[in-house]
Amino acid sequence: MRIASILVRDTPALGVKTARGMVDVTALDATVGSSLRALLERGPEALAILAHRAAEAPEQLLLAPSAFRYRTLLPEPGKFLCLGLNYVAHASEATYETPRHPVVFTRLPSSLLAHEEPLVVPTCSEQLDYEAELAVVVGRTGRDIPKERALEWVAGYTLFNDGSIRDYQKRTHQWTIGKNFDGTGPLGPELVTPDELPEGARGLRIQMRVNGELLQDATTSDMIFDVATVIADLSEAMTLQPGDVIAMGTPSGVGAARKPPRFLRAGDVCEVSVERVGVLRNPVVNAAK
């Protein structure tokens, strides 16, 4: 199943993307609501019911592409945890040692945006960089989760572009500022449930294209720490909850490591793709002055 946070006539709703098109499941059943996080908090059975209802939805609840637009998939996640240096080649190009444990930093909700919304080059920097990432959405509450069962806590997978302001990121040993500029973290377009993908989303091709040019190209099997390992490790420190997001890091090929560097400019179009998950597309604009 593929679940999307959408706007229908400027009203928030949830949609399920089917072979027939996008179903407005909020119009189908008002009790579904418009919040993906709230839906996940109801437990896996709520998703199972949703899949059944969407499959049987009448034709009048199918939305034409022009009848809706995407919202940020999870605009207010309880936690948004990001992995740095989780691909060996990227750790090397970033001149860091290969980590022995997951390198974790956080994203703030104010930095997030939706599929097709503009990535923003800030007025204070010209070093907006791209990072194609697979993201995991947590579906159950858990602490001290055993690695061998960790995938049971996955509600689904989506796409993330960890837009990074490199000069601000490198000002100190902490990356938080450079990773949290407004309008730099596209997330979506849909949550893809685990039954549609290989176990742990392994072996899927991950790519970044800018203006159609292929700049990152790897496979999720190249991750140093896989999904189960990361969930288990994080849950040693904190309680994971429905709607939490874990971004799994980016492969090599980022703009800052190129010679000369290749930073994003207004007019560019970024496309993150992961095989069988989809494409996350965002134009680039300059911040309003």
C-alpha atoms as a PDB file:
ATOM      1  CA  MET A   1       0.000   0.000   0.000  1.00  0.00           C
ATOM      2  CA  ARG A   2       1.081   3.560  -0.733  1.00  0.00           C
ATOM      3  CA  ILE A   3      -0.269   6.248   1.602  1.00  0.00           C
ATOM      4  CA  ALA A   4       0.071   9.962   0.916  1.00  0.00           C
ATOM      5  CA  SER A   5      -0.639  13.156   2.837  1.00  0.00           C
ATOM      6  CA  ILE A   6      -2.474  15.361   0.352  1.00  0.00           C
ATOM      7  CA  LEU A   7      -4.494  18.527  -0.100  1.00  0.00           C
ATOM      8  CA  VAL A   8      -7.858  18.244  -1.848  1.00  0.00           C
ATOM      9  CA  ARG A   9      -9.334  21.666  -2.620  1.00  0.00           C
ATOM     10  CA  ASP A  10      -6.857  23.038  -0.057  1.00  0.00           C
ATOM     11  CA  THR A  11      -8.204  20.709   2.637  1.00  0.00           C
ATOM     12  CA  PRO A  12      -5.826  18.201   4.294  1.00  0.00           C
ATOM     13  CA  ALA A  13      -6.611  14.545   3.602  1.00  0.00           C
ATOM     14  CA  LEU A  14      -4.989  11.140   3.337  1.00  0.00           C
ATOM     15  CA  GLY A  15      -4.805   9.330   0.028  1.00  0.00           C
ATOM     16  CA  VAL A  16      -3.989   5.780  -0.993  1.00  0.00           C
ATOM     17  CA  LYS A  17      -2.322   5.401  -4.370  1.00  0.00           C
ATOM     18  CA  THR A  18      -3.741   2.387  -6.208  1.00  0.00           C
ATOM     19  CA  ALA A  19      -3.474   0.971  -9.718  1.00  0.00           C
ATOM     20  CA  ARG A  20      -6.682   2.897 -10.483  1.00  0.00           C
ATOM     21  CA  GLY A  21      -5.311   6.204  -9.161  1.00  0.00           C
ATOM     22  CA  MET A  22      -5.258   8.159  -5.898  1.00  0.00           C
ATOM     23  CA  VAL A  23      -8.169   7.387  -3.570  1.00  0.00           C
ATOM     24  CA  ASP A  24      -9.304  10.114  -1.155  1.00  0.00           C
ATOM     25  CA  VAL A  25      -9.627   7.841   1.884  1.00  0.00           C
ATOM     26  CA  THR A  26     -10.580  10.723   4.169  1.00  0.00           C
ATOM     27  CA  ALA A  27     -13.669  11.328   2.018  1.00  0.00           C
ATOM     28  CA  LEU A  28     -14.264   7.572   1.966  1.00  0.00           C
ATOM     29  CA  ASP A  29     -14.241   7.384   5.771  1.00  0.00           C
ATOM     30  CA  ALA A  30     -14.056  10.553   7.875  1.00  0.00           C
ATOM     31  CA  THR A  31     -12.782   8.567  10.869  1.00  0.00           C
ATOM     32  CA  VAL A  32      -9.516   8.012   8.965  1.00  0.00           C
ATOM     33  CA  GLY A  33      -8.701  11.679   9.513  1.00  0.00           C
ATOM     34  CA  SER A  34      -5.984  13.603   7.700  1.00  0.00           C
ATOM     35  CA  SER A  35      -2.902  12.841   9.836  1.00  0.00           C
ATOM     36  CA  LEU A  36      -0.651   9.941   8.912  1.00  0.00           C
ATOM     37  CA  ARG A  37       0.984  10.048  12.326  1.00  0.00           C
ATOM     38  CA  ALA A  38      -2.407   9.764  14.059  1.00  0.00           C
ATOM     39  CA  LEU A  39      -3.325   6.884  11.767  1.00  0.00           C
ATOM     40  CA  LEU A  40      -0.120   5.016  12.629  1.00  0.00           C
ATOM     41  CA  GLU A  41      -0.788   5.528  16.321  1.00  0.00           C
ATOM     42  CA  ARG A  42      -3.921   3.381  15.931  1.00  0.00           C
ATOM     43  CA  GLY A  43      -1.780   0.357  15.170  1.00  0.00           C
ATOM     44  CA  PRO A  44      -1.148  -2.003  12.223  1.00  0.00           C
ATOM     45  CA  GLU A  45      -4.780  -3.087  12.092  1.00  0.00           C
ATOM     46  CA  ALA A  46      -5.767   0.455  11.046  1.00  0.00           C
ATOM     47  CA  LEU A  47      -3.498   0.188   7.998  1.00  0.00           C
ATOM     48  CA  ALA A  48      -4.937  -3.216   7.101  1.00  0.00           C
ATOM     49  CA  ILE A  49      -8.478  -1.844   7.217  1.00  0.00           C
ATOM     50  CA  LEU A  50      -7.406   1.165   5.148  1.00  0.00           C
ATOM     51  CA  ALA A  51      -5.917  -1.048   2.433  1.00  0.00           C
ATOM     52  CA  HIS A  52      -9.129  -3.068   2.211  1.00  0.00           C
ATOM     53  CA  ARG A  53     -11.338   0.019   2.041  1.00  0.00           C
ATOM     54  CA  ALA A  54      -9.175   1.729  -0.589  1.00  0.00           C
ATOM     55  CA  ALA A  55      -9.251  -1.345  -2.826  1.00  0.00           C
ATOM     56  CA  GLU A  56     -13.060  -1.226  -2.833  1.00  0.00           C
ATOM     57  CA  ALA A  57     -13.457   2.568  -3.141  1.00  0.00           C
ATOM     58  CA  PRO A  58     -16.042   3.776  -5.687  1.00  0.00           C
ATOM     59  CA  GLU A  59     -14.866   5.520  -8.842  1.00  0.00           C
ATOM     60  CA  GLN A  60     -16.116   8.935  -7.660  1.00  0.00           C
ATOM     61  CA  LEU A  61     -13.491   8.959  -4.895  1.00  0.00           C
ATOM     62  CA  LEU A  62     -10.615   8.576  -7.352  1.00  0.00           C
ATOM     63  CA  LEU A  63      -8.746  11.868  -7.689  1.00  0.00           C
ATOM     64  CA  ALA A  64      -7.473  13.184 -10.994  1.00  0.00           C
ATOM     65  CA  PRO A  65      -3.819  14.290 -10.749  1.00  0.00           C
ATOM     66  CA  SER A  66      -4.951  17.909 -11.027  1.00  0.00           C
ATOM     67  CA  ALA A  67      -7.424  17.502  -8.146  1.00  0.00           C
ATOM     68  CA  PHE A  68      -4.847  17.170  -5.367  1.00  0.00           C
ATOM     69  CA  ARG A  69      -1.316  18.058  -4.367  1.00  0.00           C
ATOM     70  CA  TYR A  70       1.062  16.458  -1.931  1.00  0.00           C
ATOM     71  CA  ARG A  71       1.706  17.661   1.599  1.00  0.00           C
ATOM     72  CA  THR A  72       4.803  16.784   3.597  1.00  0.00           C
ATOM     73  CA  LEU A  73       4.256  13.120   4.372  1.00  0.00           C
ATOM     74  CA  LEU A  74       4.785  13.603   8.133  1.00  0.00           C
ATOM     75  CA  PRO A  75       4.861  17.346   8.812  1.00  0.00           C
ATOM     76  CA  GLU A  76       5.263  16.917  12.587  1.00  0.00           C
ATOM     77  CA  PRO A  77       7.072  13.646  13.312  1.00  0.00           C
ATOM     78  CA  GLY A  78       7.684  12.943  16.971  1.00  0.00           C
ATOM     79  CA  LYS A  79      11.345  12.379  16.133  1.00  0.00           C
ATOM     80  CA  PHE A  80      13.228  12.828  12.876  1.00  0.00           C
ATOM     81  CA  LEU A  81      16.564  11.034  13.197  1.00  0.00           C
ATOM     82  CA  CYS A  82      19.152  11.124  10.413  1.00  0.00           C
ATOM     83  CA  LEU A  83      22.203   8.954   9.819  1.00  0.00           C
ATOM     84  CA  GLY A  84      25.436  10.469   8.601  1.00  0.00           C
ATOM     85  CA  LEU A  85      28.211   8.589   6.818  1.00  0.00           C
ATOM     86  CA  ASN A  86      26.173   5.380   6.420  1.00  0.00           C
ATOM     87  CA  TYR A  87      27.699   4.436   3.059  1.00  0.00           C
ATOM     88  CA  VAL A  88      31.427   3.610   2.960  1.00  0.00           C
ATOM     89  CA  ALA A  89      32.142   5.590  -0.219  1.00  0.00           C
ATOM     90  CA  HIS A  90      30.369   8.676   1.132  1.00  0.00           C
ATOM     91  CA  ALA A  91      32.317   8.524   4.413  1.00  0.00           C
ATOM     92  CA  SER A  92      35.483   8.422   2.338  1.00  0.00           C
ATOM     93  CA  GLU A  93      34.559  11.355   0.094  1.00  0.00           C
ATOM     94  CA  ALA A  94      33.593  13.351   3.192  1.00  0.00           C
ATOM     95  CA  THR A  95      37.070  12.621   4.644  1.00  0.00           C
ATOM     96  CA  TYR A  96      35.725  10.891   7.748  1.00  0.00           C
ATOM     97  CA  GLU A  97      36.690   7.493   9.118  1.00  0.00           C
ATOM     98  CA  THR A  98      34.168   4.734   8.491  1.00  0.00           C
ATOM     99  CA  PRO A  99      31.987   4.839  11.628  1.00  0.00           C
ATOM    100  CA  ARG A 100      31.845   1.912  14.048  1.00  0.00           C
ATOM    101  CA  HIS A 101      28.402   2.963  15.287  1.00  0.00           C
ATOM    102  CA  PRO A 102      25.543   4.869  13.625  1.00  0.00           C
ATOM    103  CA  VAL A 103      26.219   8.609  13.430  1.00  0.00           C
ATOM    104  CA  VAL A 104      22.941  10.302  14.347  1.00  0.00           C
ATOM    105  CA  PHE A 105      21.692  13.885  14.117  1.00  0.00           C
ATOM    106  CA  THR A 106      18.197  15.385  14.092  1.00  0.00           C
ATOM    107  CA  ARG A 107      15.966  17.251  11.681  1.00  0.00           C
ATOM    108  CA  LEU A 108      13.405  19.817  12.837  1.00  0.00           C
ATOM    109  CA  PRO A 109       9.859  19.937  11.404  1.00  0.00           C
ATOM    110  CA  SER A 110      10.379  23.520  10.196  1.00  0.00           C
ATOM    111  CA  SER A 111      12.941  22.263   7.658  1.00  0.00           C
ATOM    112  CA  LEU A 112      10.595  19.746   5.997  1.00  0.00           C
ATOM    113  CA  LEU A 113       8.642  20.140   2.769  1.00  0.00           C
ATOM    114  CA  ALA A 114       6.579  18.113   0.331  1.00  0.00           C
ATOM    115  CA  HIS A 115       7.040  16.473  -3.051  1.00  0.00           C
ATOM    116  CA  GLU A 116       7.078  19.175  -5.769  1.00  0.00           C
ATOM    117  CA  GLU A 117       7.519  22.026  -3.258  1.00  0.00           C
ATOM    118  CA  PRO A 118      10.583  24.240  -3.777  1.00  0.00           C
ATOM    119  CA  LEU A 119      13.924  23.603  -2.117  1.00  0.00           C
ATOM    120  CA  VAL A 120      15.175  26.971  -0.907  1.00  0.00           C
ATOM    121  CA  VAL A 121      18.675  28.401  -1.372  1.00  0.00           C
ATOM    122  CA  PRO A 122      19.074  30.739   1.647  1.00  0.00           C
ATOM    123  CA  THR A 123      20.199  34.331   1.304  1.00  0.00           C
ATOM    124  CA  CYS A 124      23.226  33.737   3.583  1.00  0.00           C
ATOM    125  CA  SER A 125      24.850  30.883   1.633  1.00  0.00           C
ATOM    126  CA  GLU A 126      25.384  29.513  -1.871  1.00  0.00           C
ATOM    127  CA  GLN A 127      26.230  25.992  -0.659  1.00  0.00           C
ATOM    128  CA  LEU A 128      22.909  24.120  -0.749  1.00  0.00           C
ATOM    129  CA  ASP A 129      23.783  20.467  -1.410  1.00  0.00           C
ATOM    130  CA  TYR A 130      21.644  17.418  -2.214  1.00  0.00           C
ATOM    131  CA  GLU A 131      21.569  13.993  -0.512  1.00  0.00           C
ATOM    132  CA  ALA A 132      19.374  11.139  -1.775  1.00  0.00           C
ATOM    133  CA  GLU A 133      18.146   8.976   1.103  1.00  0.00           C
ATOM    134  CA  LEU A 134      15.806   6.138   1.956  1.00  0.00           C
ATOM    135  CA  ALA A 135      13.728   6.911   5.055  1.00  0.00           C
ATOM    136  CA  VAL A 136      12.065   4.517   7.487  1.00  0.00           C
ATOM    137  CA  VAL A 137       8.781   5.344   9.228  1.00  0.00           C
ATOM    138  CA  VAL A 138       8.187   3.705  12.598  1.00  0.00           C
ATOM    139  CA  GLY A 139       4.800   2.061  13.136  1.00  0.00           C
ATOM    140  CA  ARG A 140       4.905   0.798  16.744  1.00  0.00           C
ATOM    141  CA  THR A 141       6.096   1.963  20.151  1.00  0.00           C
ATOM    142  CA  GLY A 142       9.229   0.179  21.289  1.00  0.00           C
ATOM    143  CA  ARG A 143      12.287   0.348  23.538  1.00  0.00           C
ATOM    144  CA  ASP A 144      15.254  -2.061  23.649  1.00  0.00           C
ATOM    145  CA  ILE A 145      14.057  -3.695  20.446  1.00  0.00           C
ATOM    146  CA  PRO A 146      15.995  -6.861  19.528  1.00  0.00           C
ATOM    147  CA  LYS A 147      17.694  -6.649  16.138  1.00  0.00           C
ATOM    148  CA  GLU A 148      16.207  -9.952  14.955  1.00  0.00           C
ATOM    149  CA  ARG A 149      12.688  -8.519  15.409  1.00  0.00           C
ATOM    150  CA  ALA A 150      13.374  -4.868  14.595  1.00  0.00           C
ATOM    151  CA  LEU A 151      11.700  -4.889  11.163  1.00  0.00           C
ATOM    152  CA  GLU A 152       8.385  -5.570  12.915  1.00  0.00           C
ATOM    153  CA  TRP A 153       8.496  -1.916  14.019  1.00  0.00           C
ATOM    154  CA  VAL A 154       8.612  -0.581  10.424  1.00  0.00           C
ATOM    155  CA  ALA A 155       5.349   0.910   9.130  1.00  0.00           C
ATOM    156  CA  GLY A 156       6.907   1.643   5.757  1.00  0.00           C
ATOM    157  CA  TYR A 157       9.518   3.450   3.716  1.00  0.00           C
ATOM    158  CA  THR A 158       9.680   6.752   1.894  1.00  0.00           C
ATOM    159  CA  LEU A 159      12.182   9.130   0.273  1.00  0.00           C
ATOM    160  CA  PHE A 160      14.153  12.020   1.709  1.00  0.00           C
ATOM    161  CA  ASN A 161      16.467  14.679   0.312  1.00  0.00           C
ATOM    162  CA  ASP A 162      18.731  15.794   3.154  1.00  0.00           C
ATOM    163  CA  GLY A 163      19.403  19.261   1.758  1.00  0.00           C
ATOM    164  CA  SER A 164      22.501  20.558   3.526  1.00  0.00           C
ATOM    165  CA  ILE A 165      24.012  24.040   3.761  1.00  0.00           C
ATOM    166  CA  ARG A 166      27.614  22.871   3.726  1.00  0.00           C
ATOM    167  CA  ASP A 167      29.456  25.951   4.977  1.00  0.00           C
ATOM    168  CA  TYR A 168      27.126  26.170   7.988  1.00  0.00           C
ATOM    169  CA  GLN A 169      27.347  22.402   8.522  1.00  0.00           C
ATOM    170  CA  LYS A 170      31.137  22.598   8.739  1.00  0.00           C
ATOM    171  CA  ARG A 171      31.374  25.622  11.007  1.00  0.00           C
ATOM    172  CA  THR A 172      31.493  23.381  14.094  1.00  0.00           C
ATOM    173  CA  HIS A 173      31.743  19.694  14.956  1.00  0.00           C
ATOM    174  CA  GLN A 174      27.943  19.613  15.329  1.00  0.00           C
ATOM    175  CA  TRP A 175      25.987  19.514  12.047  1.00  0.00           C
ATOM    176  CA  THR A 176      22.591  20.671  13.340  1.00  0.00           C
ATOM    177  CA  ILE A 177      22.498  24.197  11.904  1.00  0.00           C
ATOM    178  CA  GLY A 178      23.600  23.203   8.407  1.00  0.00           C
ATOM    179  CA  LYS A 179      21.019  20.408   8.333  1.00  0.00           C
ATOM    180  CA  ASN A 180      18.019  22.460   9.467  1.00  0.00           C
ATOM    181  CA  PHE A 181      17.557  25.498   7.257  1.00  0.00           C
ATOM    182  CA  ASP A 182      13.910  26.125   6.421  1.00  0.00           C
ATOM    183  CA  GLY A 183      12.757  24.526   3.180  1.00  0.00           C
ATOM    184  CA  THR A 184      15.671  22.118   2.736  1.00  0.00           C
ATOM    185  CA  GLY A 185      14.251  18.695   3.699  1.00  0.00           C
ATOM    186  CA  PRO A 186      11.826  17.201   1.143  1.00  0.00           C
ATOM    187  CA  LEU A 187      10.038  14.082   2.446  1.00  0.00           C
ATOM    188  CA  GLY A 188       7.641  11.823   0.513  1.00  0.00           C
ATOM    189  CA  PRO A 189       5.759  11.493  -1.698  1.00  0.00           C
ATOM    190  CA  GLU A 190       4.235   8.304  -0.227  1.00  0.00           C
ATOM    191  CA  LEU A 191       4.669   5.809   2.575  1.00  0.00           C
ATOM    192  CA  VAL A 192       5.259   2.406   0.961  1.00  0.00           C
ATOM    193  CA  THR A 193       4.384  -0.484   3.269  1.00  0.00           C
ATOM    194  CA  PRO A 194       6.977  -3.246   3.784  1.00  0.00           C
ATOM    195  CA  ASP A 195       4.974  -5.918   1.923  1.00  0.00           C
ATOM    196  CA  GLU A 196       5.784  -4.129  -1.353  1.00  0.00           C
ATOM    197  CA  LEU A 197       9.573  -4.237  -0.845  1.00  0.00           C
ATOM    198  CA  PRO A 198      12.377  -6.697  -0.032  1.00  0.00           C
ATOM    199  CA  GLU A 199      12.969  -7.376   3.664  1.00  0.00           C
ATOM    200  CA  GLY A 200      14.578  -4.313   5.226  1.00  0.00           C
ATOM    201  CA  ALA A 201      14.412  -2.563   1.819  1.00  0.00           C
ATOM    202  CA  ARG A 202      17.758  -4.159   0.947  1.00  0.00           C
ATOM    203  CA  GLY A 203      19.157  -4.322  -2.563  1.00  0.00           C
ATOM    204  CA  LEU A 204      17.212  -1.356  -3.959  1.00  0.00           C
ATOM    205  CA  ARG A 205      18.880   1.086  -6.321  1.00  0.00           C
ATOM    206  CA  ILE A 206      19.092   4.623  -4.917  1.00  0.00           C
ATOM    207  CA  GLN A 207      19.815   7.605  -7.168  1.00  0.00           C
ATOM    208  CA  MET A 208      19.907  11.389  -7.302  1.00  0.00           C
ATOM    209  CA  ARG A 209      19.391  13.287 -10.531  1.00  0.00           C
ATOM    210  CA  VAL A 210      19.727  17.046 -10.907  1.00  0.00           C
ATOM    211  CA  ASN A 211      18.264  18.407 -14.131  1.00  0.00           C
ATOM    212  CA  GLY A 212      18.235  14.824 -15.387  1.00  0.00           C
ATOM    213  CA  GLU A 213      21.966  14.288 -14.732  1.00  0.00           C
ATOM    214  CA  LEU A 214      22.746  11.214 -12.629  1.00  0.00           C
ATOM    215  CA  LEU A 215      24.886  12.364  -9.682  1.00  0.00           C
ATOM    216  CA  GLN A 216      24.387   9.611  -7.087  1.00  0.00           C
ATOM    217  CA  ASP A 217      23.928   5.926  -7.892  1.00  0.00           C
ATOM    218  CA  ALA A 218      24.194   3.087  -5.372  1.00  0.00           C
ATOM    219  CA  THR A 219      22.194   0.338  -3.713  1.00  0.00           C
ATOM    220  CA  THR A 220      20.717   0.181  -0.240  1.00  0.00           C
ATOM    221  CA  SER A 221      22.784  -2.968   0.319  1.00  0.00           C
ATOM    222  CA  ASP A 222      25.805  -0.619   0.472  1.00  0.00           C
ATOM    223  CA  MET A 223      24.635   0.843   3.783  1.00  0.00           C
ATOM    224  CA  ILE A 224      27.072   0.239   6.637  1.00  0.00           C
ATOM    225  CA  PHE A 225      24.250  -0.142   9.174  1.00  0.00           C
ATOM    226  CA  ASP A 226      21.058  -1.724   7.888  1.00  0.00           C
ATOM    227  CA  VAL A 227      17.533  -0.849   8.963  1.00  0.00           C
ATOM    228  CA  ALA A 228      17.243  -3.526  11.660  1.00  0.00           C
ATOM    229  CA  THR A 229      20.596  -2.597  13.204  1.00  0.00           C
ATOM    230  CA  VAL A 230      19.712   1.089  13.334  1.00  0.00           C
ATOM    231  CA  ILE A 231      16.290   0.532  14.904  1.00  0.00           C
ATOM    232  CA  ALA A 232      17.795  -1.739  17.552  1.00  0.00           C
ATOM    233  CA  ASP A 233      20.622   0.692  18.333  1.00  0.00           C
ATOM    234  CA  LEU A 234      18.385   3.761  18.550  1.00  0.00           C
ATOM    235  CA  SER A 235      15.913   1.968  20.780  1.00  0.00           C
ATOM    236  CA  GLU A 236      18.656   1.335  23.343  1.00  0.00           C
ATOM    237  CA  ALA A 237      18.628   5.084  24.008  1.00  0.00           C
ATOM    238  CA  MET A 238      15.062   6.189  23.334  1.00  0.00           C
ATOM    239  CA  THR A 239      11.517   4.949  22.933  1.00  0.00           C
ATOM    240  CA  LEU A 240      10.594   4.820  19.263  1.00  0.00           C
ATOM    241  CA  GLN A 241       7.007   5.798  18.513  1.00  0.00           C
ATOM    242  CA  PRO A 242       4.563   5.647  15.593  1.00  0.00           C
ATOM    243  CA  GLY A 243       5.346   8.360  13.066  1.00  0.00           C
ATOM    244  CA  ASP A 244       9.012   8.715  13.973  1.00  0.00           C
ATOM    245  CA  VAL A 245      11.246   8.977  10.893  1.00  0.00           C
ATOM    246  CA  ILE A 246      14.748   7.568  10.440  1.00  0.00           C
ATOM    247  CA  ALA A 247      16.671   8.783   7.369  1.00  0.00           C
ATOM    248  CA  MET A 248      19.229   6.137   6.437  1.00  0.00           C
ATOM    249  CA  GLY A 249      22.047   8.261   5.023  1.00  0.00           C
ATOM    250  CA  THR A 250      23.263   9.067   1.534  1.00  0.00           C
ATOM    251  CA  PRO A 251      25.678   7.404  -0.913  1.00  0.00           C
ATOM    252  CA  SER A 252      28.691   9.068  -2.535  1.00  0.00           C
ATOM    253  CA  GLY A 253      28.374  11.716  -5.221  1.00  0.00           C
ATOM    254  CA  VAL A 254      27.252  14.743  -3.196  1.00  0.00           C
ATOM    255  CA  GLY A 255      27.951  18.169  -4.636  1.00  0.00           C
ATOM    256  CA  ALA A 256      30.470  19.268  -1.995  1.00  0.00           C
ATOM    257  CA  ALA A 257      32.793  16.357  -2.872  1.00  0.00           C
ATOM    258  CA  ARG A 258      32.875  17.083  -6.606  1.00  0.00           C
ATOM    259  CA  LYS A 259      35.697  18.942  -8.295  1.00  0.00           C
ATOM    260  CA  PRO A 260      34.680  21.666  -8.719  1.00  0.00           C
ATOM    261  CA  PRO A 261      31.846  21.527  -6.142  1.00  0.00           C
ATOM    262  CA  ARG A 262      28.355  21.255  -7.597  1.00  0.00           C
ATOM    263  CA  PHE A 263      25.911  23.142  -5.377  1.00  0.00           C
ATOM    264  CA  LEU A 264      22.244  23.673  -6.184  1.00  0.00           C
ATOM    265  CA  ARG A 265      21.069  26.835  -7.902  1.00  0.00           C
ATOM    266  CA  ALA A 266      17.662  28.369  -8.556  1.00  0.00           C
ATOM    267  CA  GLY A 267      16.134  26.671 -11.588  1.00  0.00           C
ATOM    268  CA  ASP A 268      17.591  23.234 -10.809  1.00  0.00           C
ATOM    269  CA  VAL A 269      15.295  20.244 -10.283  1.00  0.00           C
ATOM    270  CA  CYS A 270      16.265  17.468  -7.838  1.00  0.00           C
ATOM    271  CA  GLU A 271      14.923  13.931  -8.170  1.00  0.00           C
ATOM    272  CA  VAL A 272      15.544  11.332  -5.469  1.00  0.00           C
ATOM    273  CA  SER A 273      14.594   7.816  -6.547  1.00  0.00           C
ATOM    274  CA  VAL A 274      14.667   4.449  -4.831  1.00  0.00           C
ATOM    275  CA  GLU A 275      13.701   1.396  -6.822  1.00  0.00           C
ATOM    276  CA  ARG A 276      10.112   0.259  -6.095  1.00  0.00           C
ATOM    277  CA  VAL A 277       9.595   3.185  -3.692  1.00  0.00           C
ATOM    278  CA  GLY A 278       9.192   6.050  -6.151  1.00  0.00           C
ATOM    279  CA  VAL A 279      10.536   9.483  -7.066  1.00  0.00           C
ATOM    280  CA  LEU A 280      10.706  12.607  -4.895  1.00  0.00           C
ATOM    281  CA  ARG A 281      10.967  15.704  -7.092  1.00  0.00           C
ATOM    282  CA  ASN A 282      11.637  19.300  -6.036  1.00  0.00           C
ATOM    283  CA  PRO A 283      12.525  22.466  -7.954  1.00  0.00           C
ATOM    284  CA  VAL A 284      15.101  24.827  -6.459  1.00  0.00           C
ATOM    285  CA  VAL A 285      14.421  28.501  -5.812  1.00  0.00           C
ATOM    286  CA  ASN A 286      16.173  31.392  -4.105  1.00  0.00           C
ATOM    287  CA  ALA A 287      14.838  32.551  -0.755  1.00  0.00           C
ATOM    288  CA  ALA A 288      12.730  35.679  -0.896  1.00  0.00           C
ATOM    289  CA  LYS A 289      14.700  38.771   0.083  1.00  0.00           C
END
